[in-house]
Amino acid sequence: MEDLKQTYPDALPYHQGGKIEVVARKQLNNEHDLSIAYSPGVAVPCKEIARDPHTAYEYTAKGNLIAVISNGTAVLGLGDIGALAGKPVMEGKSALFRKFADISAFDIEVDETNPDKLIEIVRAIAPTFGGINLEDIKAPECFYIESRLKEILDIPIMHDDQHGTAIISTAGIINGLKITNRKAEDLKIVVFGAGGAAIACAKMAQNLGAKEVIMFDSKGAITTSRQDLNGFKKEFAVSREIRSYKEALDGADVILGLSRGDILTAKDIEGMNPNPMIFAMSNPIPEIDPKIVHEVRPDAIIATGRSDYPNQINNVLGFPYIFKGALKARAKCINEEMKFACAQALAAVAREPIPEDLRVKLEQIHGRKFEFGKEYIIPSPFDTRLKEFISNAVAQAAIDSGVARVESLES
């Protein structure tokens, strides 16, 4: 098992003092500035908002402000480490919002594991924000918490661990299908993991057209004979018994790995169909080492959750632009149409020729070639085309599906 402290000896110095700060956007240099920034001049926008709450989008930071909220019960492969220990991750998420989408965000770590109490806390602070990014909340509570908040609040809410991974992996499948000349309805997909991200990935693959999905949790294949399944897992129960990973993978086309590192062997993947898509997304250690995949299945399309391999299934390709699009449209929620618009737009960007100056920059950053194919099915997070292209696609989907507060992107 990789010792990440040795691999990244500069990690602790980098995080020293935290990664985010709050800065003022308006000048505050003299008595007049002070009188309009605070008392008495601040009463003017306060009265406007009291008269029409929608004007908060104009006279406060609400329209470009996201809360990154977690209780630390399922922190990116580290598990239930608690709200405080998860703070570096949430700070990082906030920094990514600013870097990639010019969205202000700050992290809120809530020391509360009771779902209903957490829902009430988030509901109470929601007026501050234009959207809420739920993060690193364990399953199955995460499904209930997100669903309930979407019912009671009228701003965009998304549990990114579920939907972000699903959106990016779906973009990868879309382009994998194009490269291998297959149809989604013909795919046999095996999912390792049955948490929030795994279930969301499986559902989105089904919505893409996939008909055969086999899912494994920590106790084995999810089948109708098991009596320990919650309602979310029951949706994926298959009627036949499956005794091993290899049995499930024989004749499979796609692996969606969202479980834990190093659970698959070379023999497990030998019987997969030609040109398999192996998305081993467990982070930081994939379900199977890409080097092993290259040796056993050189025909495979490989994706991981890591930035040091091609085709990173990186949520930063999704959540900044989904929320930016939602904020552009002043959307009341984030719906399936907006998620699919993001996936389709991401896949489209990867297929487009890259402008020469951008291509040179990306190849310098990543140290590899960028040309649509098996090692480039998903755009780089540093592709500057993403911010407007993806967010506009999401915003338009919000307008078209009737959840936007604006009538067009020009309004």
Protein backbone atom coordinates (compact mmCIF):
# COMPACT_ATOMS: atom_id res chain seq x y z
CA MET A 1 0.00 0.00 0.00
CA GLU A 2 1.36 3.39 -1.03
CA ASP A 3 2.55 5.68 1.79
CA LEU A 4 1.17 9.02 0.62
CA LYS A 5 3.17 10.96 3.20
CA GLN A 6 6.34 9.69 1.54
CA THR A 7 4.99 10.12 -2.00
CA TYR A 8 3.99 13.73 -1.28
CA PRO A 9 6.44 15.05 1.35
CA ASP A 10 5.40 18.62 0.48
CA ALA A 11 1.72 18.01 1.32
CA LEU A 12 1.86 19.24 4.91
CA PRO A 13 3.86 22.42 4.11
CA TYR A 14 1.44 23.16 1.27
CA HIS A 15 -1.54 22.98 3.61
CA GLN A 16 0.13 25.04 6.34
CA GLY A 17 -2.24 27.82 7.40
CA GLY A 18 -5.09 26.51 5.25
CA LYS A 19 -5.87 27.00 1.56
CA ILE A 20 -8.58 29.66 1.51
CA GLU A 21 -9.27 33.14 2.85
CA VAL A 22 -12.07 35.71 2.73
CA VAL A 23 -11.26 38.98 0.98
CA ALA A 24 -13.36 42.10 0.37
CA ARG A 25 -14.49 42.76 -3.22
CA LYS A 26 -15.22 46.47 -2.74
CA GLN A 27 -12.93 49.28 -1.61
CA LEU A 28 -13.04 50.38 2.00
CA ASN A 29 -10.61 53.27 2.12
CA ASN A 30 -12.43 56.25 3.65
CA GLU A 31 -15.36 57.42 5.74
CA HIS A 32 -17.80 57.39 2.81
CA ASP A 33 -16.83 53.82 1.88
CA LEU A 34 -17.40 52.80 5.48
CA SER A 35 -20.81 54.48 5.59
CA ILE A 36 -22.11 52.64 2.52
CA ALA A 37 -20.39 49.31 3.22
CA TYR A 38 -21.90 49.20 6.69
CA SER A 39 -24.04 51.65 8.62
CA PRO A 40 -26.07 53.64 7.64
CA GLY A 41 -25.87 53.11 3.86
CA VAL A 42 -26.19 49.33 4.05
CA ALA A 43 -29.84 49.82 5.00
CA VAL A 44 -30.64 50.64 1.36
CA PRO A 45 -29.95 47.14 -0.05
CA CYS A 46 -31.40 45.57 3.11
CA LYS A 47 -34.73 47.27 2.42
CA GLU A 48 -34.64 46.22 -1.23
CA ILE A 49 -34.11 42.58 -0.28
CA ALA A 50 -36.85 42.75 2.35
CA ARG A 51 -39.17 44.07 -0.38
CA ASP A 52 -38.06 41.50 -2.97
CA PRO A 53 -35.89 38.58 -1.73
CA HIS A 54 -34.81 37.81 -5.30
CA THR A 55 -32.74 41.02 -5.34
CA ALA A 56 -30.31 39.32 -2.91
CA TYR A 57 -28.76 37.89 -6.07
CA GLU A 58 -27.95 41.45 -7.15
CA TYR A 59 -26.98 43.19 -3.91
CA THR A 60 -25.10 40.45 -2.05
CA ALA A 61 -22.60 37.72 -2.85
CA LYS A 62 -25.37 35.10 -2.77
CA GLY A 63 -25.49 34.73 -6.55
CA ASN A 64 -21.88 33.59 -6.70
CA LEU A 65 -21.44 31.87 -3.35
CA ILE A 66 -21.43 28.14 -2.63
CA ALA A 67 -21.30 26.35 0.72
CA VAL A 68 -19.21 23.18 0.86
CA ILE A 69 -20.83 21.24 3.70
CA SER A 70 -19.71 17.96 5.25
CA ASN A 71 -19.99 16.01 8.47
CA GLY A 72 -16.85 14.01 7.66
CA THR A 73 -18.49 10.57 7.67
CA ALA A 74 -17.09 9.39 4.31
CA VAL A 75 -14.00 11.42 3.43
CA LEU A 76 -12.46 10.51 0.03
CA GLY A 77 -11.27 6.99 0.75
CA LEU A 78 -10.37 7.75 4.36
CA GLY A 79 -13.79 6.87 5.77
CA ASP A 80 -15.47 8.30 8.85
CA ILE A 81 -12.70 10.54 10.15
CA GLY A 82 -14.97 13.25 11.51
CA ALA A 83 -15.87 16.79 10.54
CA LEU A 84 -12.64 18.48 11.66
CA ALA A 85 -10.29 15.97 10.01
CA GLY A 86 -12.19 16.41 6.77
CA LYS A 87 -11.65 20.19 6.76
CA PRO A 88 -8.56 20.12 4.47
CA VAL A 89 -10.68 18.39 1.83
CA MET A 90 -13.51 20.90 2.12
CA GLU A 91 -11.06 23.81 1.97
CA GLY A 92 -9.61 22.22 -1.15
CA LYS A 93 -13.06 21.97 -2.69
CA SER A 94 -13.65 25.64 -1.97
CA ALA A 95 -10.33 26.56 -3.57
CA LEU A 96 -11.25 24.56 -6.68
CA PHE A 97 -14.51 26.46 -7.06
CA ARG A 98 -12.53 29.70 -7.18
CA LYS A 99 -9.73 28.41 -9.42
CA PHE A 100 -11.82 26.73 -12.07
CA ALA A 101 -15.15 28.59 -12.07
CA ASP A 102 -14.53 31.98 -10.42
CA ILE A 103 -17.08 31.04 -7.77
CA SER A 104 -16.65 32.05 -4.14
CA ALA A 105 -17.03 29.14 -1.76
CA PHE A 106 -16.22 28.36 1.82
CA ASP A 107 -16.28 25.21 3.82
CA ILE A 108 -18.63 24.42 6.68
CA GLU A 109 -17.79 21.34 8.75
CA VAL A 110 -20.78 20.23 10.80
CA ASP A 111 -20.20 17.96 13.80
CA GLU A 112 -23.53 16.16 13.44
CA THR A 113 -24.22 12.61 12.27
CA ASN A 114 -27.97 12.58 12.84
CA PRO A 115 -29.42 13.09 9.33
CA ASP A 116 -32.48 15.07 10.43
CA LYS A 117 -30.45 17.39 12.62
CA LEU A 118 -27.94 17.92 9.81
CA ILE A 119 -30.78 18.72 7.42
CA GLU A 120 -32.15 21.32 9.84
CA ILE A 121 -28.73 22.94 10.26
CA VAL A 122 -28.24 23.21 6.49
CA ARG A 123 -31.79 24.51 6.02
CA ALA A 124 -31.21 27.22 8.60
CA ILE A 125 -28.04 28.59 7.00
CA ALA A 126 -29.16 28.20 3.38
CA PRO A 127 -30.26 31.84 2.85
CA THR A 128 -26.60 32.86 2.81
CA PHE A 129 -25.80 30.86 -0.32
CA GLY A 130 -26.66 30.56 -3.99
CA GLY A 131 -26.03 26.81 -3.85
CA ILE A 132 -24.94 24.01 -1.52
CA ASN A 133 -22.32 21.39 -2.33
CA LEU A 134 -22.78 18.48 0.06
CA GLU A 135 -19.58 16.54 0.44
CA ASP A 136 -18.24 13.33 1.97
CA ILE A 137 -21.42 12.20 3.72
CA LYS A 138 -21.76 8.44 4.03
CA ALA A 139 -24.40 6.27 2.37
CA PRO A 140 -27.26 5.62 2.73
CA GLU A 141 -27.78 8.80 4.80
CA CYS A 142 -26.44 10.94 1.94
CA PHE A 143 -29.38 9.96 -0.30
CA TYR A 144 -31.94 10.98 2.32
CA ILE A 145 -30.15 14.20 3.26
CA GLU A 146 -29.81 15.39 -0.32
CA SER A 147 -33.35 14.39 -1.25
CA ARG A 148 -34.89 16.11 1.76
CA LEU A 149 -32.91 19.32 1.28
CA LYS A 150 -33.96 19.44 -2.37
CA GLU A 151 -37.57 19.21 -1.23
CA ILE A 152 -37.41 22.05 1.28
CA LEU A 153 -34.96 24.48 -0.37
CA ASP A 154 -35.16 26.30 -3.69
CA ILE A 155 -31.44 26.64 -4.48
CA PRO A 156 -29.13 24.18 -6.27
CA ILE A 157 -28.07 21.32 -4.00
CA MET A 158 -25.83 18.44 -5.01
CA HIS A 159 -23.98 15.74 -3.11
CA ASP A 160 -20.91 15.84 -5.32
CA ASP A 161 -19.49 12.48 -4.24
CA GLN A 162 -22.51 10.84 -5.83
CA HIS A 163 -23.28 12.91 -8.86
CA GLY A 164 -19.90 14.42 -9.74
CA THR A 165 -18.28 11.02 -10.15
CA ALA A 166 -21.32 9.75 -12.04
CA ILE A 167 -21.25 12.66 -14.47
CA ILE A 168 -17.54 12.36 -15.26
CA SER A 169 -17.62 8.57 -15.59
CA THR A 170 -20.65 8.85 -17.88
CA ALA A 171 -18.72 11.29 -20.08
CA GLY A 172 -15.95 8.69 -20.22
CA ILE A 173 -18.38 5.92 -21.16
CA ILE A 174 -19.91 8.11 -23.90
CA ASN A 175 -16.51 8.58 -25.51
CA GLY A 176 -15.48 4.98 -24.88
CA LEU A 177 -18.54 3.90 -26.83
CA LYS A 178 -17.54 6.14 -29.73
CA ILE A 179 -13.98 4.84 -29.79
CA THR A 180 -15.02 1.17 -29.68
CA ASN A 181 -18.16 1.54 -31.84
CA ARG A 182 -20.52 0.07 -29.25
CA LYS A 183 -23.97 0.98 -27.99
CA ALA A 184 -24.82 1.65 -24.36
CA GLU A 185 -27.68 -0.85 -24.38
CA ASP A 186 -25.23 -3.66 -25.24
CA LEU A 187 -22.91 -3.03 -22.30
CA LYS A 188 -22.39 -5.36 -19.40
CA ILE A 189 -21.23 -3.21 -16.48
CA VAL A 190 -19.75 -4.44 -13.21
CA VAL A 191 -19.74 -1.97 -10.33
CA PHE A 192 -17.44 -2.42 -7.34
CA GLY A 193 -18.83 -0.54 -4.36
CA ALA A 194 -22.40 0.26 -3.34
CA GLY A 195 -22.04 3.63 -1.65
CA GLY A 196 -23.39 6.95 -2.86
CA ALA A 197 -20.98 7.38 -5.77
CA ALA A 198 -21.33 3.77 -6.96
CA ILE A 199 -25.13 3.88 -6.97
CA ALA A 200 -25.19 7.25 -8.72
CA CYS A 201 -22.72 6.02 -11.37
CA ALA A 202 -24.77 2.88 -11.94
CA LYS A 203 -28.02 4.84 -12.25
CA MET A 204 -26.54 7.29 -14.71
CA ALA A 205 -25.13 4.42 -16.79
CA GLN A 206 -28.62 2.90 -16.84
CA ASN A 207 -30.08 6.24 -17.90
CA LEU A 208 -27.53 6.26 -20.70
CA GLY A 209 -29.03 2.97 -21.88
CA ALA A 210 -27.09 0.20 -20.12
CA LYS A 211 -29.32 -2.76 -19.29
CA GLU A 212 -27.00 -5.21 -17.50
CA VAL A 213 -25.43 -3.94 -14.28
CA ILE A 214 -23.91 -6.18 -11.61
CA MET A 215 -22.95 -4.53 -8.33
CA PHE A 216 -20.71 -5.71 -5.50
CA ASP A 217 -20.59 -4.41 -1.95
CA SER A 218 -18.24 -5.48 0.84
CA LYS A 219 -20.22 -8.75 1.31
CA GLY A 220 -20.24 -9.82 -2.32
CA ALA A 221 -22.52 -9.59 -5.33
CA ILE A 222 -25.87 -7.88 -4.78
CA THR A 223 -28.43 -10.58 -5.55
CA THR A 224 -32.09 -11.16 -4.81
CA SER A 225 -31.22 -13.96 -2.40
CA ARG A 226 -29.63 -11.55 0.08
CA GLN A 227 -31.69 -10.38 3.03
CA ASP A 228 -29.39 -7.53 4.13
CA LEU A 229 -29.98 -5.04 1.32
CA ASN A 230 -31.30 -1.51 1.79
CA GLY A 231 -33.73 -0.07 -0.72
CA PHE A 232 -31.01 1.59 -2.78
CA LYS A 233 -29.09 -1.65 -3.24
CA LYS A 234 -32.22 -3.67 -3.98
CA GLU A 235 -32.64 -1.73 -7.21
CA PHE A 236 -29.50 -3.46 -8.50
CA ALA A 237 -30.13 -6.98 -7.21
CA VAL A 238 -29.73 -9.66 -9.89
CA SER A 239 -31.52 -12.99 -9.75
CA ARG A 240 -28.54 -15.27 -10.40
CA GLU A 241 -25.85 -16.10 -7.87
CA ILE A 242 -22.36 -14.77 -8.60
CA ARG A 243 -19.54 -16.36 -6.66
CA SER A 244 -16.53 -14.22 -7.59
CA TYR A 245 -15.32 -11.03 -9.23
CA LYS A 246 -13.92 -13.07 -12.11
CA GLU A 247 -17.26 -14.74 -12.76
CA ALA A 248 -18.96 -11.35 -12.96
CA LEU A 249 -16.24 -9.89 -15.17
CA ASP A 250 -16.15 -12.67 -17.75
CA GLY A 251 -17.85 -11.14 -20.79
CA ALA A 252 -18.09 -7.70 -19.17
CA ASP A 253 -17.47 -4.45 -21.04
CA VAL A 254 -17.09 -1.92 -18.23
CA ILE A 255 -15.72 -1.78 -14.70
CA LEU A 256 -16.83 1.07 -12.47
CA GLY A 257 -14.63 0.82 -9.40
CA LEU A 258 -15.75 2.85 -6.38
CA SER A 259 -14.74 0.63 -3.51
CA ARG A 260 -11.18 0.21 -2.24
CA GLY A 261 -7.71 -0.28 -3.59
CA ASP A 262 -6.12 -3.45 -4.96
CA ILE A 263 -9.17 -5.73 -4.84
CA LEU A 264 -8.83 -6.96 -8.44
CA THR A 265 -6.16 -9.21 -9.91
CA ALA A 266 -4.85 -9.78 -13.42
CA LYS A 267 -6.87 -13.00 -13.69
CA ASP A 268 -10.08 -11.18 -12.80
CA ILE A 269 -9.97 -9.05 -15.95
CA GLU A 270 -8.65 -11.61 -18.44
CA GLY A 271 -12.13 -12.66 -19.56
CA MET A 272 -13.55 -9.21 -20.21
CA ASN A 273 -14.76 -8.39 -23.71
CA PRO A 274 -12.42 -6.74 -26.25
CA ASN A 275 -11.56 -3.09 -25.59
CA PRO A 276 -12.91 -3.09 -22.03
CA MET A 277 -13.43 0.18 -20.18
CA ILE A 278 -11.75 -0.21 -16.81
CA PHE A 279 -12.55 2.79 -14.64
CA ALA A 280 -10.75 1.99 -11.36
CA MET A 281 -11.73 5.11 -9.45
CA SER A 282 -10.93 4.26 -5.84
CA ASN A 283 -8.71 7.01 -4.50
CA PRO A 284 -5.87 7.16 -3.72
CA ILE A 285 -5.30 3.47 -4.59
CA PRO A 286 -7.26 2.13 -7.62
CA GLU A 287 -9.05 -1.23 -7.53
CA ILE A 288 -6.36 -2.53 -9.88
CA ASP A 289 -3.03 -0.95 -10.78
CA PRO A 290 -3.13 0.50 -14.33
CA LYS A 291 0.29 -1.08 -14.98
CA ILE A 292 -1.25 -4.51 -14.40
CA VAL A 293 -4.13 -3.67 -16.73
CA HIS A 294 -1.71 -2.60 -19.47
CA GLU A 295 0.15 -5.92 -19.17
CA VAL A 296 -2.94 -8.16 -19.17
CA ARG A 297 -5.33 -6.13 -21.32
CA PRO A 298 -3.37 -3.77 -23.57
CA ASP A 299 -6.61 -3.14 -25.47
CA ALA A 300 -8.29 -1.57 -22.42
CA ILE A 301 -9.45 2.00 -21.97
CA ILE A 302 -8.26 2.86 -18.47
CA ALA A 303 -9.42 5.64 -16.18
CA THR A 304 -8.65 6.25 -12.51
CA GLY A 305 -9.33 8.83 -9.84
CA ARG A 306 -5.70 9.95 -9.81
CA SER A 307 -4.10 12.92 -11.53
CA ASP A 308 -0.87 11.07 -12.34
CA TYR A 309 -2.54 8.76 -14.90
CA PRO A 310 -4.39 9.61 -18.12
CA ASN A 311 -8.20 9.85 -18.04
CA GLN A 312 -8.65 11.04 -14.49
CA ILE A 313 -12.26 10.78 -13.33
CA ASN A 314 -11.91 14.05 -11.48
CA ASN A 315 -14.95 15.74 -9.98
CA VAL A 316 -13.33 19.10 -10.65
CA LEU A 317 -14.43 18.57 -14.25
CA GLY A 318 -18.03 18.68 -13.08
CA PHE A 319 -19.02 20.46 -9.89
CA PRO A 320 -17.52 23.93 -10.62
CA TYR A 321 -19.28 24.15 -13.97
CA ILE A 322 -22.53 22.53 -12.84
CA PHE A 323 -22.85 25.08 -10.06
CA LYS A 324 -21.67 27.91 -12.31
CA GLY A 325 -24.34 26.98 -14.85
CA ALA A 326 -26.94 26.67 -12.10
CA LEU A 327 -25.99 30.10 -10.74
CA LYS A 328 -26.09 31.64 -14.24
CA ALA A 329 -29.64 30.37 -14.63
CA ARG A 330 -30.49 31.11 -10.98
CA ALA A 331 -31.77 27.56 -10.96
CA LYS A 332 -34.01 26.25 -8.20
CA CYS A 333 -32.29 22.86 -8.22
CA ILE A 334 -29.85 20.64 -10.09
CA ASN A 335 -31.85 18.07 -12.05
CA GLU A 336 -31.06 15.08 -14.25
CA GLU A 337 -31.22 17.17 -17.41
CA MET A 338 -28.48 19.45 -16.08
CA LYS A 339 -26.29 16.52 -15.07
CA PHE A 340 -26.60 14.86 -18.47
CA ALA A 341 -25.93 18.17 -20.20
CA CYS A 342 -22.66 18.35 -18.25
CA ALA A 343 -21.67 14.78 -19.18
CA GLN A 344 -22.49 15.26 -22.86
CA ALA A 345 -20.65 18.59 -22.99
CA LEU A 346 -17.55 17.12 -21.30
CA ALA A 347 -17.49 14.25 -23.78
CA ALA A 348 -17.87 16.71 -26.66
CA VAL A 349 -14.94 18.86 -25.51
CA ALA A 350 -12.62 15.83 -25.47
CA ARG A 351 -13.57 15.04 -29.08
CA GLU A 352 -12.94 18.58 -30.31
CA PRO A 353 -9.53 19.52 -31.75
CA ILE A 354 -7.53 21.43 -29.16
CA PRO A 355 -6.22 24.88 -30.18
CA GLU A 356 -2.46 24.65 -30.63
CA ASP A 357 -1.46 27.02 -27.84
CA LEU A 358 -3.74 25.24 -25.38
CA ARG A 359 -2.55 21.80 -26.51
CA VAL A 360 1.09 22.79 -25.90
CA LYS A 361 0.18 24.11 -22.45
CA LEU A 362 -1.74 20.95 -21.49
CA GLU A 363 1.07 18.68 -22.68
CA GLN A 364 3.54 20.68 -20.60
CA ILE A 365 1.32 20.39 -17.52
CA HIS A 366 0.62 16.67 -17.85
CA GLY A 367 3.72 15.44 -19.68
CA ARG A 368 1.75 13.48 -22.28
CA LYS A 369 0.06 13.89 -25.65
CA PHE A 370 -3.51 15.11 -25.98
CA GLU A 371 -5.32 13.57 -28.92
CA PHE A 372 -8.76 11.98 -28.73
CA GLY A 373 -8.37 8.25 -28.22
CA LYS A 374 -8.00 5.62 -25.51
CA GLU A 375 -5.67 7.77 -23.41
CA TYR A 376 -7.72 10.92 -23.83
CA ILE A 377 -11.45 10.40 -23.38
CA ILE A 378 -11.90 13.03 -20.66
CA PRO A 379 -10.70 16.67 -20.81
CA SER A 380 -7.94 18.00 -18.61
CA PRO A 381 -9.08 20.06 -15.62
CA PHE A 382 -6.77 22.78 -16.97
CA ASP A 383 -8.60 23.01 -20.30
CA THR A 384 -9.69 26.65 -20.30
CA ARG A 385 -12.55 25.91 -22.70
CA LEU A 386 -14.51 24.10 -19.99
CA LYS A 387 -15.65 27.01 -17.84
CA GLU A 388 -17.93 28.66 -20.37
CA PHE A 389 -18.77 25.68 -22.58
CA ILE A 390 -19.86 23.36 -19.78
CA SER A 391 -21.54 25.96 -17.59
CA ASN A 392 -23.51 27.34 -20.55
CA ALA A 393 -24.68 23.83 -21.45
CA VAL A 394 -25.82 23.28 -17.85
CA ALA A 395 -27.52 26.68 -17.66
CA GLN A 396 -29.34 26.06 -20.94
CA ALA A 397 -30.52 22.67 -19.67
CA ALA A 398 -31.88 24.40 -16.55
CA ILE A 399 -33.77 26.88 -18.72
CA ASP A 400 -35.06 24.19 -21.10
CA SER A 401 -36.22 21.97 -18.23
CA GLY A 402 -38.09 24.78 -16.48
CA VAL A 403 -36.07 25.11 -13.26
CA ALA A 404 -34.36 28.44 -14.06
CA ARG A 405 -35.35 31.87 -12.80
CA VAL A 406 -34.05 33.51 -15.98
CA GLU A 407 -35.60 33.11 -19.43
CA SER A 408 -32.35 33.07 -21.39
CA LEU A 409 -28.60 33.29 -20.85
CA GLU A 410 -28.71 36.88 -22.09
CA SER A 411 -31.30 38.01 -19.53
